Amino acid sequence: MKIPSIRTSDGPNGIRGTHFYGSTPSACLPCGTAIGATFDKDLVHRIGNLLADEAKAKGAHVVLGPTINIQRGPLGGRGFESYSEDPLLSGTLAGAYCNGIQEKDIVSCLKHFVCNDQEHERMAVCSIVTDRALREIYLLPFMIAIKASKPGAVMTAYNQVNGLHASE
């Protein structure tokens, strides 16, 4: 059985494509935080549609987005990609984004599972989180988005959570 190749592309604020230089131009959307500030599920769904169209134009099968990490402090160098510090809003908007992408037969990939909220030593850090905070703050947006949209993929984070790698 031959497994076909799969092309992914980063997608939180536009589909990157296959080349770093000289590639087909992409829409450059506002950052996730600006989009989250709209509280507009219909807008985020339309953004998903646009990104799916761009993914198809660039030959991508999977959009690596949305980013739904919780913005809990200023050390998250990619916090701007996330929608909010509110888990309910983040999960709801992520579900709309995924639905917009997936209704056009492109796979969406939620990221970065879970507790990925700092850049310093992000591949070595161990986030120590109480069970309640893990459940009510960090896991909740993933739970909401998965229930609302059944995304085709979830990208794990590099960090550890309470001594276990996020991928475990």
N, C-alpha and C. Protein backbone atom coordinates (compact mmCIF):
# COMPACT_ATOMS: atom_id res chain seq x y z
N MET A 1 0.85 -1.18 0.00
CA MET A 1 0.00 0.00 0.00
C MET A 1 0.90 1.24 0.00
N LYS A 2 0.63 2.15 -0.90
CA LYS A 2 1.42 3.37 -1.01
C LYS A 2 0.73 4.50 -0.22
N ILE A 3 1.48 5.10 0.69
CA ILE A 3 0.95 6.22 1.46
C ILE A 3 1.36 7.50 0.75
N PRO A 4 0.38 8.35 0.40
CA PRO A 4 0.73 9.58 -0.32
C PRO A 4 1.43 10.59 0.60
N SER A 5 2.22 11.45 -0.03
CA SER A 5 2.88 12.50 0.75
C SER A 5 1.83 13.52 1.19
N ILE A 6 2.14 14.19 2.29
CA ILE A 6 1.24 15.20 2.83
C ILE A 6 2.05 16.49 2.97
N ARG A 7 1.52 17.57 2.44
CA ARG A 7 2.18 18.87 2.57
C ARG A 7 1.44 19.67 3.63
N THR A 8 2.20 20.17 4.58
CA THR A 8 1.65 21.03 5.63
C THR A 8 2.13 22.46 5.39
N SER A 9 1.40 23.41 5.96
CA SER A 9 1.84 24.79 5.89
C SER A 9 1.39 25.51 7.15
N ASP A 10 2.28 26.36 7.66
CA ASP A 10 1.92 27.16 8.82
C ASP A 10 0.74 28.04 8.47
N GLY A 11 -0.15 28.26 9.44
CA GLY A 11 -1.37 28.94 9.07
C GLY A 11 -1.98 29.94 10.02
N PRO A 12 -1.41 30.25 11.17
CA PRO A 12 -2.14 31.16 12.05
C PRO A 12 -2.48 32.53 11.46
N ASN A 13 -1.61 33.11 10.63
CA ASN A 13 -2.00 34.40 10.05
C ASN A 13 -1.79 34.46 8.54
N GLY A 14 -1.76 33.32 7.90
CA GLY A 14 -1.63 33.24 6.45
C GLY A 14 -0.90 31.95 6.07
N ILE A 15 -1.21 31.41 4.91
CA ILE A 15 -0.60 30.16 4.48
C ILE A 15 0.78 30.46 3.89
N ARG A 16 1.78 29.89 4.50
CA ARG A 16 3.16 30.20 4.13
C ARG A 16 3.53 29.68 2.75
N GLY A 17 3.17 28.49 2.42
CA GLY A 17 3.53 27.93 1.12
C GLY A 17 4.79 27.10 1.18
N THR A 18 5.39 26.89 0.03
CA THR A 18 6.49 25.94 -0.08
C THR A 18 7.87 26.58 -0.12
N HIS A 19 7.95 27.88 -0.35
CA HIS A 19 9.24 28.56 -0.45
C HIS A 19 9.29 29.73 0.51
N PHE A 20 10.45 29.94 1.09
CA PHE A 20 10.63 31.08 1.99
C PHE A 20 10.75 32.38 1.20
N TYR A 21 11.43 32.32 0.07
CA TYR A 21 11.61 33.50 -0.78
C TYR A 21 11.05 33.22 -2.15
N GLY A 22 10.44 34.24 -2.74
CA GLY A 22 9.94 34.10 -4.10
C GLY A 22 8.73 33.20 -4.24
N SER A 23 7.97 33.01 -3.19
CA SER A 23 6.80 32.15 -3.28
C SER A 23 5.57 32.96 -3.68
N THR A 24 4.48 32.26 -3.93
CA THR A 24 3.22 32.91 -4.23
C THR A 24 2.79 33.73 -3.02
N PRO A 25 2.41 34.98 -3.22
CA PRO A 25 2.01 35.81 -2.08
C PRO A 25 0.81 35.21 -1.34
N SER A 26 0.75 35.51 -0.05
CA SER A 26 -0.34 35.04 0.80
C SER A 26 -1.04 36.22 1.44
N ALA A 27 -2.26 36.00 1.80
CA ALA A 27 -2.95 36.99 2.63
C ALA A 27 -2.22 37.06 3.96
N CYS A 28 -2.06 38.22 4.50
CA CYS A 28 -1.47 38.38 5.83
C CYS A 28 -2.58 38.87 6.74
N LEU A 29 -3.10 37.97 7.53
CA LEU A 29 -4.23 38.27 8.40
C LEU A 29 -3.76 38.89 9.70
N PRO A 30 -4.66 39.56 10.41
CA PRO A 30 -4.31 40.07 11.74
C PRO A 30 -3.90 38.91 12.64
N CYS A 31 -3.11 39.22 13.66
CA CYS A 31 -2.68 38.17 14.58
C CYS A 31 -3.87 37.60 15.34
N GLY A 32 -3.65 36.43 15.92
CA GLY A 32 -4.71 35.74 16.65
C GLY A 32 -5.32 36.58 17.76
N THR A 33 -4.51 37.33 18.47
CA THR A 33 -5.03 38.16 19.56
C THR A 33 -6.00 39.21 19.02
N ALA A 34 -5.67 39.83 17.89
CA ALA A 34 -6.57 40.82 17.29
C ALA A 34 -7.86 40.15 16.82
N ILE A 35 -7.74 38.97 16.24
CA ILE A 35 -8.94 38.24 15.80
C ILE A 35 -9.78 37.85 17.01
N GLY A 36 -9.12 37.38 18.07
CA GLY A 36 -9.85 37.01 19.29
C GLY A 36 -10.61 38.18 19.89
N ALA A 37 -10.07 39.38 19.76
CA ALA A 37 -10.70 40.56 20.33
C ALA A 37 -12.02 40.91 19.65
N THR A 38 -12.28 40.31 18.48
CA THR A 38 -13.55 40.56 17.80
C THR A 38 -14.70 39.75 18.40
N PHE A 39 -14.40 38.63 19.05
CA PHE A 39 -15.40 37.72 19.61
C PHE A 39 -16.36 37.23 18.52
N ASP A 40 -15.93 37.19 17.28
CA ASP A 40 -16.81 36.96 16.14
C ASP A 40 -16.55 35.59 15.51
N LYS A 41 -17.37 34.60 15.89
CA LYS A 41 -17.21 33.25 15.35
C LYS A 41 -17.41 33.19 13.85
N ASP A 42 -18.35 33.97 13.33
CA ASP A 42 -18.60 33.95 11.88
C ASP A 42 -17.39 34.49 11.12
N LEU A 43 -16.76 35.55 11.64
CA LEU A 43 -15.55 36.08 11.01
C LEU A 43 -14.45 35.03 11.01
N VAL A 44 -14.26 34.35 12.13
CA VAL A 44 -13.20 33.35 12.24
C VAL A 44 -13.49 32.17 11.31
N HIS A 45 -14.75 31.82 11.16
CA HIS A 45 -15.12 30.76 10.22
C HIS A 45 -14.76 31.18 8.79
N ARG A 46 -15.04 32.42 8.43
CA ARG A 46 -14.68 32.92 7.09
C ARG A 46 -13.17 32.96 6.90
N ILE A 47 -12.44 33.29 7.97
CA ILE A 47 -10.98 33.25 7.90
C ILE A 47 -10.53 31.82 7.59
N GLY A 48 -11.15 30.84 8.24
CA GLY A 48 -10.84 29.44 7.95
C GLY A 48 -11.08 29.10 6.48
N ASN A 49 -12.19 29.59 5.93
CA ASN A 49 -12.48 29.37 4.50
C ASN A 49 -11.38 29.97 3.62
N LEU A 50 -10.98 31.20 3.92
CA LEU A 50 -9.93 31.86 3.14
C LEU A 50 -8.63 31.08 3.21
N LEU A 51 -8.26 30.65 4.41
CA LEU A 51 -7.02 29.90 4.57
C LEU A 51 -7.07 28.56 3.84
N ALA A 52 -8.22 27.93 3.84
CA ALA A 52 -8.37 26.67 3.10
C ALA A 52 -8.18 26.90 1.60
N ASP A 53 -8.76 27.98 1.09
CA ASP A 53 -8.57 28.30 -0.34
C ASP A 53 -7.10 28.54 -0.65
N GLU A 54 -6.41 29.26 0.22
CA GLU A 54 -4.99 29.50 0.01
C GLU A 54 -4.17 28.22 0.12
N ALA A 55 -4.55 27.36 1.07
CA ALA A 55 -3.83 26.08 1.20
C ALA A 55 -3.97 25.27 -0.08
N LYS A 56 -5.18 25.23 -0.64
CA LYS A 56 -5.38 24.51 -1.90
C LYS A 56 -4.53 25.11 -3.01
N ALA A 57 -4.49 26.43 -3.08
CA ALA A 57 -3.72 27.11 -4.14
C ALA A 57 -2.23 26.81 -4.02
N LYS A 58 -1.77 26.53 -2.82
CA LYS A 58 -0.35 26.26 -2.60
C LYS A 58 -0.05 24.77 -2.47
N GLY A 59 -1.05 23.95 -2.68
CA GLY A 59 -0.84 22.51 -2.66
C GLY A 59 -0.68 21.92 -1.27
N ALA A 60 -1.15 22.63 -0.25
CA ALA A 60 -1.05 22.12 1.12
C ALA A 60 -2.30 21.32 1.48
N HIS A 61 -2.11 20.26 2.24
CA HIS A 61 -3.20 19.40 2.67
C HIS A 61 -3.61 19.69 4.11
N VAL A 62 -2.67 20.22 4.90
CA VAL A 62 -2.88 20.45 6.33
C VAL A 62 -2.44 21.88 6.67
N VAL A 63 -3.31 22.59 7.36
CA VAL A 63 -2.98 23.92 7.88
C VAL A 63 -2.58 23.76 9.34
N LEU A 64 -1.36 24.16 9.66
CA LEU A 64 -0.87 24.08 11.04
C LEU A 64 -1.41 25.28 11.82
N GLY A 65 -2.61 25.13 12.28
CA GLY A 65 -3.30 26.16 13.02
C GLY A 65 -4.72 25.72 13.24
N PRO A 66 -5.37 26.28 14.21
CA PRO A 66 -5.01 27.49 14.95
C PRO A 66 -4.11 27.20 16.16
N THR A 67 -3.44 28.24 16.59
CA THR A 67 -2.70 28.20 17.86
C THR A 67 -3.68 28.58 18.96
N ILE A 68 -3.83 27.73 19.94
CA ILE A 68 -4.79 28.05 21.02
C ILE A 68 -4.16 27.91 22.40
N ASN A 69 -2.88 28.24 22.47
CA ASN A 69 -2.25 28.28 23.79
C ASN A 69 -2.79 29.48 24.56
N ILE A 70 -2.82 29.35 25.86
CA ILE A 70 -3.36 30.40 26.71
C ILE A 70 -2.27 31.43 27.02
N GLN A 71 -2.59 32.67 26.79
CA GLN A 71 -1.67 33.76 27.08
C GLN A 71 -1.74 34.09 28.56
N ARG A 72 -0.77 33.59 29.30
CA ARG A 72 -0.78 33.78 30.76
C ARG A 72 0.29 34.73 31.24
N GLY A 73 1.22 35.09 30.39
CA GLY A 73 2.29 35.98 30.79
C GLY A 73 3.02 36.51 29.58
N PRO A 74 3.90 37.48 29.78
CA PRO A 74 4.58 38.13 28.66
C PRO A 74 5.73 37.32 28.06
N LEU A 75 6.06 36.18 28.61
CA LEU A 75 7.21 35.42 28.13
C LEU A 75 6.88 34.48 26.97
N GLY A 76 5.63 34.40 26.59
CA GLY A 76 5.23 33.57 25.45
C GLY A 76 5.50 34.33 24.18
N GLY A 77 6.65 34.10 23.56
CA GLY A 77 7.05 34.85 22.38
C GLY A 77 6.12 34.70 21.21
N ARG A 78 5.30 33.68 21.21
CA ARG A 78 4.33 33.51 20.13
C ARG A 78 2.90 33.64 20.64
N GLY A 79 2.75 34.31 21.75
CA GLY A 79 1.42 34.52 22.31
C GLY A 79 0.48 35.25 21.36
N PHE A 80 1.05 36.09 20.49
CA PHE A 80 0.25 36.84 19.54
C PHE A 80 -0.54 35.94 18.60
N GLU A 81 -0.08 34.68 18.42
CA GLU A 81 -0.79 33.74 17.55
C GLU A 81 -2.06 33.22 18.21
N SER A 82 -2.12 33.27 19.53
CA SER A 82 -3.26 32.73 20.27
C SER A 82 -4.39 33.76 20.34
N TYR A 83 -5.60 33.28 20.54
CA TYR A 83 -6.76 34.16 20.56
C TYR A 83 -6.91 34.94 21.85
N SER A 84 -6.62 34.31 22.98
CA SER A 84 -7.04 34.97 24.22
C SER A 84 -6.42 34.28 25.43
N GLU A 85 -6.57 34.92 26.57
CA GLU A 85 -6.25 34.28 27.83
C GLU A 85 -7.47 33.55 28.40
N ASP A 86 -8.58 33.64 27.68
CA ASP A 86 -9.82 33.00 28.12
C ASP A 86 -10.01 31.66 27.40
N PRO A 87 -10.07 30.56 28.14
CA PRO A 87 -10.16 29.24 27.49
C PRO A 87 -11.45 29.05 26.69
N LEU A 88 -12.57 29.58 27.17
CA LEU A 88 -13.84 29.42 26.46
C LEU A 88 -13.80 30.14 25.11
N LEU A 89 -13.34 31.38 25.12
CA LEU A 89 -13.24 32.13 23.87
C LEU A 89 -12.25 31.46 22.92
N SER A 90 -11.11 31.06 23.42
CA SER A 90 -10.10 30.43 22.57
C SER A 90 -10.62 29.16 21.92
N GLY A 91 -11.26 28.31 22.70
CA GLY A 91 -11.78 27.06 22.16
C GLY A 91 -12.92 27.26 21.18
N THR A 92 -13.78 28.22 21.47
CA THR A 92 -14.92 28.50 20.59
C THR A 92 -14.44 29.03 19.24
N LEU A 93 -13.51 29.99 19.28
CA LEU A 93 -12.99 30.54 18.02
C LEU A 93 -12.17 29.50 17.25
N ALA A 94 -11.41 28.68 17.97
CA ALA A 94 -10.63 27.64 17.31
C ALA A 94 -11.55 26.65 16.60
N GLY A 95 -12.68 26.30 17.21
CA GLY A 95 -13.63 25.40 16.57
C GLY A 95 -14.18 26.00 15.28
N ALA A 96 -14.49 27.31 15.30
CA ALA A 96 -15.00 27.98 14.10
C ALA A 96 -13.94 28.01 13.01
N TYR A 97 -12.69 28.29 13.39
CA TYR A 97 -11.56 28.32 12.45
C TYR A 97 -11.41 26.94 11.79
N CYS A 98 -11.38 25.91 12.60
CA CYS A 98 -11.21 24.54 12.08
C CYS A 98 -12.36 24.17 11.15
N ASN A 99 -13.59 24.50 11.53
CA ASN A 99 -14.74 24.19 10.67
C ASN A 99 -14.63 24.90 9.34
N GLY A 100 -14.19 26.16 9.36
CA GLY A 100 -14.03 26.90 8.11
C GLY A 100 -13.00 26.26 7.19
N ILE A 101 -11.93 25.77 7.77
CA ILE A 101 -10.90 25.10 6.98
C ILE A 101 -11.40 23.75 6.47
N GLN A 102 -11.93 22.96 7.37
CA GLN A 102 -12.24 21.57 7.04
C GLN A 102 -13.45 21.41 6.13
N GLU A 103 -14.34 22.40 6.09
CA GLU A 103 -15.48 22.25 5.18
C GLU A 103 -15.03 22.38 3.72
N LYS A 104 -13.78 22.79 3.51
CA LYS A 104 -13.22 22.87 2.16
C LYS A 104 -12.18 21.76 1.94
N ASP A 105 -12.30 20.70 2.72
CA ASP A 105 -11.47 19.49 2.56
C ASP A 105 -9.98 19.72 2.77
N ILE A 106 -9.65 20.59 3.68
CA ILE A 106 -8.28 20.79 4.15
C ILE A 106 -8.28 20.42 5.63
N VAL A 107 -7.23 19.79 6.10
CA VAL A 107 -7.14 19.37 7.50
C VAL A 107 -6.62 20.54 8.34
N SER A 108 -7.24 20.77 9.48
CA SER A 108 -6.73 21.76 10.43
C SER A 108 -6.01 21.02 11.56
N CYS A 109 -5.00 21.67 12.10
CA CYS A 109 -4.17 21.07 13.15
C CYS A 109 -4.09 22.02 14.34
N LEU A 110 -4.80 21.68 15.41
CA LEU A 110 -4.72 22.49 16.64
C LEU A 110 -3.30 22.43 17.18
N LYS A 111 -2.83 23.54 17.73
CA LYS A 111 -1.49 23.54 18.31
C LYS A 111 -1.39 24.56 19.42
N HIS A 112 -0.49 24.42 20.29
CA HIS A 112 0.50 23.41 20.62
C HIS A 112 0.07 22.78 21.93
N PHE A 113 -0.24 21.52 21.90
CA PHE A 113 -0.82 20.79 23.03
C PHE A 113 0.29 20.40 24.00
N VAL A 114 0.37 20.88 25.14
CA VAL A 114 -0.41 21.81 25.93
C VAL A 114 0.54 22.54 26.89
N CYS A 115 0.10 23.63 27.45
CA CYS A 115 0.89 24.47 28.38
C CYS A 115 2.15 25.04 27.72
N ASN A 116 2.04 25.39 26.47
CA ASN A 116 3.16 25.97 25.72
C ASN A 116 3.02 27.50 25.79
N ASP A 117 3.57 28.10 26.83
CA ASP A 117 3.34 29.53 26.99
C ASP A 117 4.61 30.33 27.31
N GLN A 118 5.76 29.79 26.94
CA GLN A 118 6.99 30.57 27.07
C GLN A 118 7.98 30.12 26.02
N GLU A 119 8.85 31.04 25.63
CA GLU A 119 9.85 30.75 24.60
C GLU A 119 11.19 30.33 25.19
N HIS A 120 11.56 30.89 26.33
CA HIS A 120 12.86 30.59 26.92
C HIS A 120 12.95 29.11 27.23
N GLU A 121 13.89 28.44 26.60
CA GLU A 121 14.10 27.00 26.78
C GLU A 121 12.82 26.19 26.55
N ARG A 122 12.05 26.59 25.53
CA ARG A 122 10.76 25.93 25.31
C ARG A 122 10.87 24.44 25.02
N MET A 123 12.04 23.98 24.58
CA MET A 123 12.21 22.55 24.33
C MET A 123 12.66 21.80 25.57
N ALA A 124 12.97 22.52 26.63
CA ALA A 124 13.47 21.87 27.84
C ALA A 124 12.64 22.19 29.08
N VAL A 125 11.78 23.18 29.00
CA VAL A 125 11.04 23.62 30.18
C VAL A 125 10.02 22.58 30.62
N CYS A 126 9.77 22.55 31.90
CA CYS A 126 8.72 21.70 32.46
C CYS A 126 7.72 22.61 33.16
N SER A 127 6.52 22.68 32.61
CA SER A 127 5.47 23.50 33.20
C SER A 127 4.83 22.72 34.35
N ILE A 128 4.88 23.30 35.53
CA ILE A 128 4.25 22.68 36.70
C ILE A 128 2.89 23.33 36.90
N VAL A 129 1.85 22.52 36.77
CA VAL A 129 0.49 23.03 36.77
C VAL A 129 -0.38 22.14 37.64
N THR A 130 -1.25 22.75 38.45
CA THR A 130 -2.18 21.94 39.25
C THR A 130 -3.17 21.23 38.32
N ASP A 131 -3.73 20.15 38.81
CA ASP A 131 -4.71 19.41 38.00
C ASP A 131 -5.87 20.30 37.60
N ARG A 132 -6.34 21.12 38.55
CA ARG A 132 -7.48 21.99 38.27
C ARG A 132 -7.14 23.02 37.19
N ALA A 133 -6.00 23.69 37.31
CA ALA A 133 -5.60 24.68 36.30
C ALA A 133 -5.39 24.00 34.94
N LEU A 134 -4.80 22.84 34.94
CA LEU A 134 -4.60 22.11 33.69
C LEU A 134 -5.94 21.84 33.01
N ARG A 135 -6.90 21.36 33.78
CA ARG A 135 -8.21 21.01 33.24
C ARG A 135 -9.02 22.25 32.84
N GLU A 136 -9.08 23.26 33.72
CA GLU A 136 -9.98 24.39 33.51
C GLU A 136 -9.40 25.51 32.64
N ILE A 137 -8.09 25.58 32.51
CA ILE A 137 -7.48 26.67 31.74
C ILE A 137 -6.80 26.15 30.49
N TYR A 138 -5.90 25.20 30.62
CA TYR A 138 -5.05 24.81 29.51
C TYR A 138 -5.65 23.75 28.59
N LEU A 139 -6.34 22.77 29.13
CA LEU A 139 -6.94 21.73 28.29
C LEU A 139 -8.28 22.14 27.71
N LEU A 140 -9.00 23.03 28.39
CA LEU A 140 -10.36 23.39 27.99
C LEU A 140 -10.46 23.91 26.55
N PRO A 141 -9.59 24.81 26.09
CA PRO A 141 -9.75 25.25 24.70
C PRO A 141 -9.58 24.11 23.68
N PHE A 142 -8.69 23.17 23.98
CA PHE A 142 -8.53 22.02 23.09
C PHE A 142 -9.78 21.15 23.13
N MET A 143 -10.34 20.94 24.30
CA MET A 143 -11.55 20.13 24.44
C MET A 143 -12.71 20.75 23.67
N ILE A 144 -12.88 22.07 23.82
CA ILE A 144 -13.98 22.77 23.14
C ILE A 144 -13.80 22.69 21.63
N ALA A 145 -12.60 23.00 21.16
CA ALA A 145 -12.35 22.99 19.71
C ALA A 145 -12.52 21.60 19.11
N ILE A 146 -12.05 20.58 19.80
CA ILE A 146 -12.18 19.21 19.30
C ILE A 146 -13.64 18.80 19.24
N LYS A 147 -14.41 19.15 20.26
CA LYS A 147 -15.83 18.81 20.27
C LYS A 147 -16.58 19.54 19.16
N ALA A 148 -16.23 20.81 18.92
CA ALA A 148 -16.94 21.64 17.95
C ALA A 148 -16.57 21.32 16.51
N SER A 149 -15.35 20.81 16.28
CA SER A 149 -14.91 20.72 14.89
C SER A 149 -14.27 19.40 14.48
N LYS A 150 -13.91 18.57 15.43
CA LYS A 150 -13.23 17.30 15.12
C LYS A 150 -12.05 17.51 14.16
N PRO A 151 -11.06 18.30 14.59
CA PRO A 151 -9.92 18.58 13.70
C PRO A 151 -9.18 17.30 13.33
N GLY A 152 -8.54 17.34 12.18
CA GLY A 152 -7.84 16.16 11.69
C GLY A 152 -6.52 15.88 12.38
N ALA A 153 -5.99 16.87 13.12
CA ALA A 153 -4.69 16.69 13.75
C ALA A 153 -4.54 17.61 14.96
N VAL A 154 -3.66 17.21 15.84
CA VAL A 154 -3.26 18.03 16.99
C VAL A 154 -1.74 17.97 17.07
N MET A 155 -1.09 19.12 17.15
CA MET A 155 0.36 19.18 17.27
C MET A 155 0.72 19.31 18.75
N THR A 156 1.61 18.45 19.20
CA THR A 156 2.03 18.54 20.59
C THR A 156 3.11 19.62 20.74
N ALA A 157 3.22 20.09 21.97
CA ALA A 157 4.24 21.09 22.31
C ALA A 157 5.55 20.38 22.65
N TYR A 158 6.63 21.16 22.70
CA TYR A 158 7.94 20.60 23.06
C TYR A 158 8.07 20.37 24.56
N ASN A 159 7.42 21.20 25.33
CA ASN A 159 7.65 21.23 26.77
C ASN A 159 7.15 19.98 27.49
N GLN A 160 7.55 19.89 28.74
CA GLN A 160 7.00 18.88 29.64
C GLN A 160 5.89 19.53 30.46
N VAL A 161 4.97 18.71 30.93
CA VAL A 161 3.91 19.15 31.82
C VAL A 161 3.95 18.23 33.03
N ASN A 162 4.26 18.80 34.17
CA ASN A 162 4.34 18.03 35.42
C ASN A 162 5.24 16.80 35.28
N GLY A 163 6.36 16.99 34.58
CA GLY A 163 7.36 15.92 34.49
C GLY A 163 7.22 14.99 33.30
N LEU A 164 6.16 15.12 32.52
CA LEU A 164 5.98 14.29 31.32
C LEU A 164 6.00 15.16 30.08
N HIS A 165 6.64 14.67 29.02
CA HIS A 165 6.60 15.42 27.77
C HIS A 165 5.16 15.55 27.31
N ALA A 166 4.83 16.69 26.74
CA ALA A 166 3.45 16.93 26.29
C ALA A 166 2.97 15.83 25.34
N SER A 167 3.86 15.28 24.56
CA SER A 167 3.48 14.22 23.62
C SER A 167 3.14 12.90 24.33
N GLU A 168 3.51 12.78 25.60
CA GLU A 168 3.19 11.57 26.35
C GLU A 168 1.80 11.65 26.93
